[in-house]
Amino acid sequence: MKKYAMMLMNPRFAPDQHRAHFPVEGVDNQIVTVRNLDEALAQLERFIADGVGVLELCGAFDGAPYEALVTASRGRLSIGRVTYAPDQEAAMNAYWAN
């Protein structure tokens, strides 16, 4: 069975409560939350040990946090991240600013 995960980061999350798991035929899907990079790095190691092959990261993992996870993964799984088209950046930033 293929394993896919999505990781969201926000200091207000309660990782033990804010998570979802929904296996479907052929793919085990999970969404997890972390509050900071240290928790993300620990979760990354759990994903690798569990055989997750693809990890998507929310937009909070830009720049250094993204690079830290890619480096720590040492190619043991594929890591992608959510990004916005340049013409959508202003609207997204305005939404989260309030």
Protein backbone atom coordinates (compact mmCIF):
# COMPACT_ATOMS: atom_id res chain seq x y z
CA MET A 1 0.00 0.00 0.00
CA LYS A 2 1.24 3.50 -0.87
CA LYS A 3 1.50 6.00 1.99
CA TYR A 4 0.95 9.75 1.63
CA ALA A 5 1.07 12.48 4.27
CA MET A 6 0.34 16.19 4.52
CA MET A 7 1.91 18.25 7.32
CA LEU A 8 0.53 21.57 8.57
CA MET A 9 2.46 23.87 10.91
CA ASN A 10 1.01 26.44 13.32
CA PRO A 11 1.98 27.12 16.95
CA ARG A 12 -1.70 26.91 17.96
CA PHE A 13 -2.21 23.33 16.81
CA ALA A 14 -2.69 20.46 19.25
CA PRO A 15 -1.02 17.67 17.25
CA ASP A 16 -2.66 14.86 19.25
CA GLN A 17 -6.09 16.26 18.37
CA HIS A 18 -5.60 18.00 15.03
CA ARG A 19 -4.99 15.12 12.67
CA ALA A 20 -6.87 12.98 10.17
CA HIS A 21 -6.38 9.50 8.75
CA PHE A 22 -8.31 8.15 5.82
CA PRO A 23 -7.14 5.04 4.05
CA VAL A 24 -8.63 4.36 0.65
CA GLU A 25 -8.02 1.49 -1.71
CA GLY A 26 -4.29 1.38 -2.35
CA VAL A 27 -3.33 4.59 -0.50
CA ASP A 28 -3.02 5.33 3.21
CA ASN A 29 -3.57 9.10 3.58
CA GLN A 30 -2.90 11.15 6.67
CA ILE A 31 -2.87 14.80 7.65
CA VAL A 32 -0.83 15.74 10.70
CA THR A 33 -0.07 18.99 12.48
CA VAL A 34 3.03 20.29 14.19
CA ARG A 35 3.73 23.48 16.12
CA ASN A 36 7.33 24.13 15.11
CA LEU A 37 10.27 22.87 13.11
CA ASP A 38 11.54 20.57 15.88
CA GLU A 39 8.19 18.75 15.92
CA ALA A 40 8.23 18.63 12.13
CA LEU A 41 11.67 17.01 12.07
CA ALA A 42 10.55 14.41 14.63
CA GLN A 43 7.39 13.71 12.62
CA LEU A 44 9.47 13.36 9.47
CA GLU A 45 11.45 10.55 11.07
CA ARG A 46 8.20 8.81 12.10
CA PHE A 47 6.91 9.08 8.53
CA ILE A 48 10.10 7.58 7.15
CA ALA A 49 10.02 4.73 9.66
CA ASP A 50 6.38 4.09 8.73
CA GLY A 51 7.14 3.91 5.01
CA VAL A 52 5.53 7.16 3.88
CA GLY A 53 6.74 7.83 0.35
CA VAL A 54 5.30 11.29 -0.35
CA LEU A 55 5.06 14.20 2.07
CA GLU A 56 3.39 17.50 1.21
CA LEU A 57 4.00 20.55 3.39
CA CYS A 58 1.75 23.56 3.95
CA GLY A 59 2.88 27.04 2.97
CA ALA A 60 4.31 27.69 6.46
CA PHE A 61 7.26 25.53 5.40
CA ASP A 62 8.95 28.11 3.19
CA GLY A 63 12.65 28.75 2.87
CA ALA A 64 14.73 27.41 5.76
CA PRO A 65 12.07 25.10 7.29
CA TYR A 66 11.51 23.42 3.93
CA GLU A 67 15.24 23.06 3.30
CA ALA A 68 15.76 21.62 6.80
CA LEU A 69 13.20 18.88 6.15
CA VAL A 70 14.57 18.07 2.70
CA THR A 71 18.09 17.83 4.13
CA ALA A 72 16.96 15.69 7.07
CA SER A 73 15.05 13.34 4.76
CA ARG A 74 18.25 12.44 2.89
CA GLY A 75 16.11 11.41 -0.09
CA ARG A 76 14.22 8.74 1.84
CA LEU A 77 10.87 10.18 0.69
CA SER A 78 9.63 12.79 -1.76
CA ILE A 79 8.81 16.20 -0.24
CA GLY A 80 6.70 18.86 -1.90
CA ARG A 81 5.10 22.04 -0.64
CA VAL A 82 2.09 24.19 -1.26
CA THR A 83 2.87 27.38 -3.15
CA TYR A 84 0.74 30.07 -4.73
CA ALA A 85 0.98 31.58 -8.20
CA PRO A 86 2.51 35.07 -8.14
CA ASP A 87 -0.83 36.67 -9.01
CA GLN A 88 -2.38 35.04 -5.93
CA GLU A 89 0.26 36.00 -3.36
CA ALA A 90 -1.22 39.42 -2.51
CA ALA A 91 -4.71 37.99 -1.90
CA MET A 92 -3.35 35.15 0.24
CA ASN A 93 -1.16 37.49 2.31
CA ALA A 94 -4.04 39.93 2.80
CA TYR A 95 -6.30 37.12 4.02
CA TRP A 96 -3.84 35.90 6.64
CA ALA A 97 -2.84 39.40 7.75
CA ASN A 98 -6.17 39.99 9.51
